Amino acid sequence: MSEANENKETKEAKWYVVHTYSGYENKVKANIEKMIENRKLHDQILEVSVPMQEVIEVKNGVKKRVQKKMFPGYVLLHMVMNDDVWYVVRNTRGVTGFVGPDSKQPVPLSDEEMRIMGIKKDDIVVDFEVGDTVMVVNGVWENTTGVIKSINPHKQIVTINVDLFGRETPVEISFSDVRLQK
C-alpha cells in the first residue's frame, strides 16, 4: 500500500462503539483482533480498545489498586467503516450491535467525545526507527535490549526481538517503555 493511500485511510478512520454481552468485552476484543489477523484487515481496523481505569478498592481493610472497565458492555473500534468491516464486526461472537440510532449506519464518535472520555491519545514523536537497538525501561522486559523490527504508530508500540531460551522472539512494547540505546 502506498504511503498516500495509507494516510487517506488513516484520515477516514473514525472511532465507533459496539455493544457486547456483559463481561464479554475482552473476549470480543480478542475475537475481533483474530479476525483482523485472519482476514488481513490491519489497514481497515486500526485499533480495538476496552478502556480501563485504575481504581483503589478497599477489601477487609486492605487498599488495592485494580483495573476496572470504564464502559462495561462496550468496545471501541478505530476503523474505516465499509460494508465488509461492518459485517465482520457485527457478526463477531459476543457483539450485539453498533451504538447509534440505527445499527445499519453506526455513528462515529467525534474527536470532542473522545477527548471528554480521556481516550484520544496524543501522537507521540519517537526518535527511533526500524533497525535501531533499544533498551526496555519498564515492565516485564525491563533492562532488556532488542532490535526494532516494526513500529505501529496507531497502537503506539514497537516490536522488538528479544532472546528467550536461546531463540529470538518478537515482543510488543509501548513507545513510552523503550529508550534508544546509545
Protein backbone atom coordinates (compact mmCIF):
# COMPACT_ATOMS: atom_id res chain seq x y z
CA MET A 1 0.00 0.00 0.00
CA SER A 2 1.33 3.42 -0.90
CA GLU A 3 2.00 5.97 1.81
CA ALA A 4 -0.55 8.40 0.31
CA ASN A 5 -3.19 5.67 0.27
CA GLU A 6 -2.36 4.68 3.86
CA ASN A 7 -2.67 8.31 5.02
CA LYS A 8 -6.02 8.61 3.23
CA GLU A 9 -7.34 5.50 5.01
CA THR A 10 -5.97 6.66 8.36
CA LYS A 11 -7.78 10.00 7.93
CA GLU A 12 -11.04 8.17 7.09
CA ALA A 13 -10.73 6.00 10.19
CA LYS A 14 -13.08 7.01 12.98
CA TRP A 15 -13.91 5.66 16.43
CA TYR A 16 -17.05 3.52 16.68
CA VAL A 17 -18.62 1.82 19.68
CA VAL A 18 -20.03 -1.71 19.72
CA HIS A 19 -22.26 -3.12 22.43
CA THR A 20 -21.31 -6.54 23.82
CA TYR A 21 -22.78 -9.05 26.20
CA SER A 22 -21.89 -8.05 29.75
CA GLY A 23 -18.50 -9.45 30.76
CA TYR A 24 -17.58 -10.35 27.16
CA GLU A 25 -15.63 -7.17 26.35
CA ASN A 26 -12.15 -8.77 26.40
CA LYS A 27 -13.40 -11.86 24.55
CA VAL A 28 -14.94 -9.64 21.84
CA LYS A 29 -11.67 -7.66 21.61
CA ALA A 30 -9.71 -10.92 21.18
CA ASN A 31 -12.21 -12.24 18.60
CA ILE A 32 -12.04 -9.04 16.53
CA GLU A 33 -8.23 -8.99 16.70
CA LYS A 34 -8.19 -12.62 15.49
CA MET A 35 -10.50 -11.64 12.59
CA ILE A 36 -8.14 -8.76 11.73
CA GLU A 37 -5.26 -11.27 11.50
CA ASN A 38 -7.22 -13.93 9.59
CA ARG A 39 -8.84 -11.58 7.08
CA LYS A 40 -5.86 -9.18 6.77
CA LEU A 41 -7.89 -6.14 7.90
CA HIS A 42 -4.94 -4.28 9.54
CA ASP A 43 -5.46 -1.28 7.26
CA GLN A 44 -9.21 -1.09 7.96
CA ILE A 45 -9.50 -1.86 11.68
CA LEU A 46 -6.61 0.03 13.25
CA GLU A 47 -7.31 -0.46 16.96
CA VAL A 48 -9.65 -2.38 19.26
CA SER A 49 -9.95 -0.96 22.76
CA VAL A 50 -11.57 -1.87 26.07
CA PRO A 51 -10.85 1.34 28.02
CA MET A 52 -9.66 0.64 31.57
CA GLN A 53 -9.08 2.85 34.58
CA GLU A 54 -7.12 2.24 37.73
CA VAL A 55 -9.21 2.42 40.91
CA ILE A 56 -8.44 1.74 44.55
CA GLU A 57 -10.57 -0.94 46.19
CA VAL A 58 -10.72 -1.47 49.92
CA LYS A 59 -11.50 -5.05 50.97
CA ASN A 60 -11.10 -6.27 54.54
CA GLY A 61 -9.33 -3.02 55.38
CA VAL A 62 -6.69 -3.54 52.66
CA LYS A 63 -6.27 -0.99 49.87
CA LYS A 64 -5.57 -2.49 46.47
CA ARG A 65 -5.12 -0.92 43.02
CA VAL A 66 -7.21 -2.70 40.39
CA GLN A 67 -8.09 -2.15 36.74
CA LYS A 68 -11.81 -1.64 36.03
CA LYS A 69 -13.56 -1.24 32.69
CA MET A 70 -14.54 2.37 32.07
CA PHE A 71 -17.55 1.34 29.93
CA PRO A 72 -18.76 -2.16 30.85
CA GLY A 73 -20.54 -3.78 27.93
CA TYR A 74 -18.79 -1.68 25.26
CA VAL A 75 -15.74 -1.99 22.99
CA LEU A 76 -14.28 0.90 20.99
CA LEU A 77 -13.01 0.39 17.44
CA HIS A 78 -10.80 2.76 15.43
CA MET A 79 -11.67 1.76 11.89
CA VAL A 80 -12.56 2.68 8.34
CA MET A 81 -16.28 1.93 8.01
CA ASN A 82 -17.37 -0.05 4.97
CA ASP A 83 -19.82 -2.92 4.34
CA ASP A 84 -17.21 -5.67 4.75
CA VAL A 85 -15.82 -4.35 8.04
CA TRP A 86 -19.34 -3.66 9.35
CA TYR A 87 -20.32 -7.27 8.56
CA VAL A 88 -17.19 -8.74 10.19
CA VAL A 89 -17.60 -6.71 13.39
CA ARG A 90 -21.39 -7.06 13.60
CA ASN A 91 -21.16 -10.86 13.23
CA THR A 92 -18.37 -11.31 15.76
CA ARG A 93 -19.38 -13.64 18.59
CA GLY A 94 -20.45 -11.56 21.62
CA VAL A 95 -21.26 -8.34 19.68
CA THR A 96 -24.90 -7.28 19.95
CA GLY A 97 -24.59 -4.29 17.63
CA PHE A 98 -23.08 -0.91 16.90
CA VAL A 99 -24.08 2.02 19.10
CA GLY A 100 -26.14 4.63 17.27
CA PRO A 101 -29.73 5.39 16.30
CA ASP A 102 -29.59 2.81 13.51
CA SER A 103 -27.22 -0.16 13.79
CA LYS A 104 -27.06 -0.31 9.96
CA GLN A 105 -25.42 3.15 9.90
CA PRO A 106 -23.29 3.47 13.05
CA VAL A 107 -22.42 7.00 14.13
CA PRO A 108 -18.72 7.61 14.82
CA LEU A 109 -17.59 9.35 17.99
CA SER A 110 -16.42 12.91 17.49
CA ASP A 111 -12.90 14.00 18.49
CA GLU A 112 -14.51 16.05 21.26
CA GLU A 113 -16.30 12.96 22.65
CA MET A 114 -13.03 11.04 22.58
CA ARG A 115 -11.25 13.86 24.45
CA ILE A 116 -14.02 14.07 27.08
CA MET A 117 -13.68 10.33 27.72
CA GLY A 118 -9.91 10.74 28.01
CA ILE A 119 -9.26 8.09 25.39
CA LYS A 120 -7.88 10.12 22.50
CA LYS A 121 -4.13 9.57 22.55
CA ASP A 122 -1.77 12.31 21.52
CA ASP A 123 0.56 11.36 18.72
CA ILE A 124 3.97 10.51 20.11
CA VAL A 125 7.00 11.58 18.13
CA VAL A 126 9.74 8.97 18.51
CA ASP A 127 13.47 9.28 17.95
CA PHE A 128 13.99 5.70 16.80
CA GLU A 129 13.28 3.70 13.66
CA VAL A 130 13.24 0.12 12.39
CA GLY A 131 16.69 -1.45 12.84
CA ASP A 132 17.65 0.66 15.88
CA THR A 133 18.65 -1.03 19.14
CA VAL A 134 16.55 -0.02 22.13
CA MET A 135 16.59 -0.67 25.88
CA VAL A 136 13.31 -1.55 27.63
CA VAL A 137 12.98 0.72 30.69
CA ASN A 138 9.68 -0.52 32.20
CA GLY A 139 7.63 -3.69 32.57
CA VAL A 140 8.48 -7.37 32.44
CA TRP A 141 11.24 -6.90 29.88
CA GLU A 142 12.96 -4.07 31.83
CA ASN A 143 16.73 -3.83 31.15
CA THR A 144 16.36 -5.98 28.02
CA THR A 145 17.80 -4.74 24.74
CA GLY A 146 16.36 -5.55 21.36
CA VAL A 147 16.38 -4.52 17.72
CA ILE A 148 13.21 -2.82 16.43
CA LYS A 149 11.56 -4.96 13.75
CA SER A 150 8.41 -2.82 13.29
CA ILE A 151 6.77 0.36 14.56
CA ASN A 152 2.97 0.71 14.90
CA PRO A 153 2.12 4.40 15.39
CA HIS A 154 -1.64 3.69 15.75
CA LYS A 155 -1.15 1.39 18.74
CA GLN A 156 1.99 3.30 19.81
CA ILE A 157 4.05 0.12 20.10
CA VAL A 158 7.30 -1.24 18.70
CA THR A 159 8.00 -4.89 18.02
CA ILE A 160 11.49 -5.92 19.08
CA ASN A 161 13.23 -9.28 19.04
CA VAL A 162 14.44 -10.49 22.44
CA ASP A 163 16.47 -13.56 23.30
CA LEU A 164 14.16 -16.04 25.06
CA PHE A 165 15.53 -19.51 25.85
CA GLY A 166 18.16 -19.13 23.14
CA ARG A 167 15.66 -18.09 20.43
CA GLU A 168 14.80 -14.69 19.05
CA THR A 169 11.19 -13.94 20.00
CA PRO A 170 9.16 -10.90 18.86
CA VAL A 171 7.73 -8.81 21.73
CA GLU A 172 5.45 -5.74 21.52
CA ILE A 173 6.48 -2.86 23.79
CA SER A 174 4.86 0.57 24.29
CA PHE A 175 6.72 3.61 22.88
CA SER A 176 6.97 5.02 26.40
CA ASP A 177 8.72 1.88 27.71
CA VAL A 178 11.74 1.94 25.38
CA ARG A 179 14.77 4.22 25.03
CA LEU A 180 17.23 4.42 22.16
CA GLN A 181 20.42 2.51 23.04
CA LYS A 182 23.43 4.79 22.68
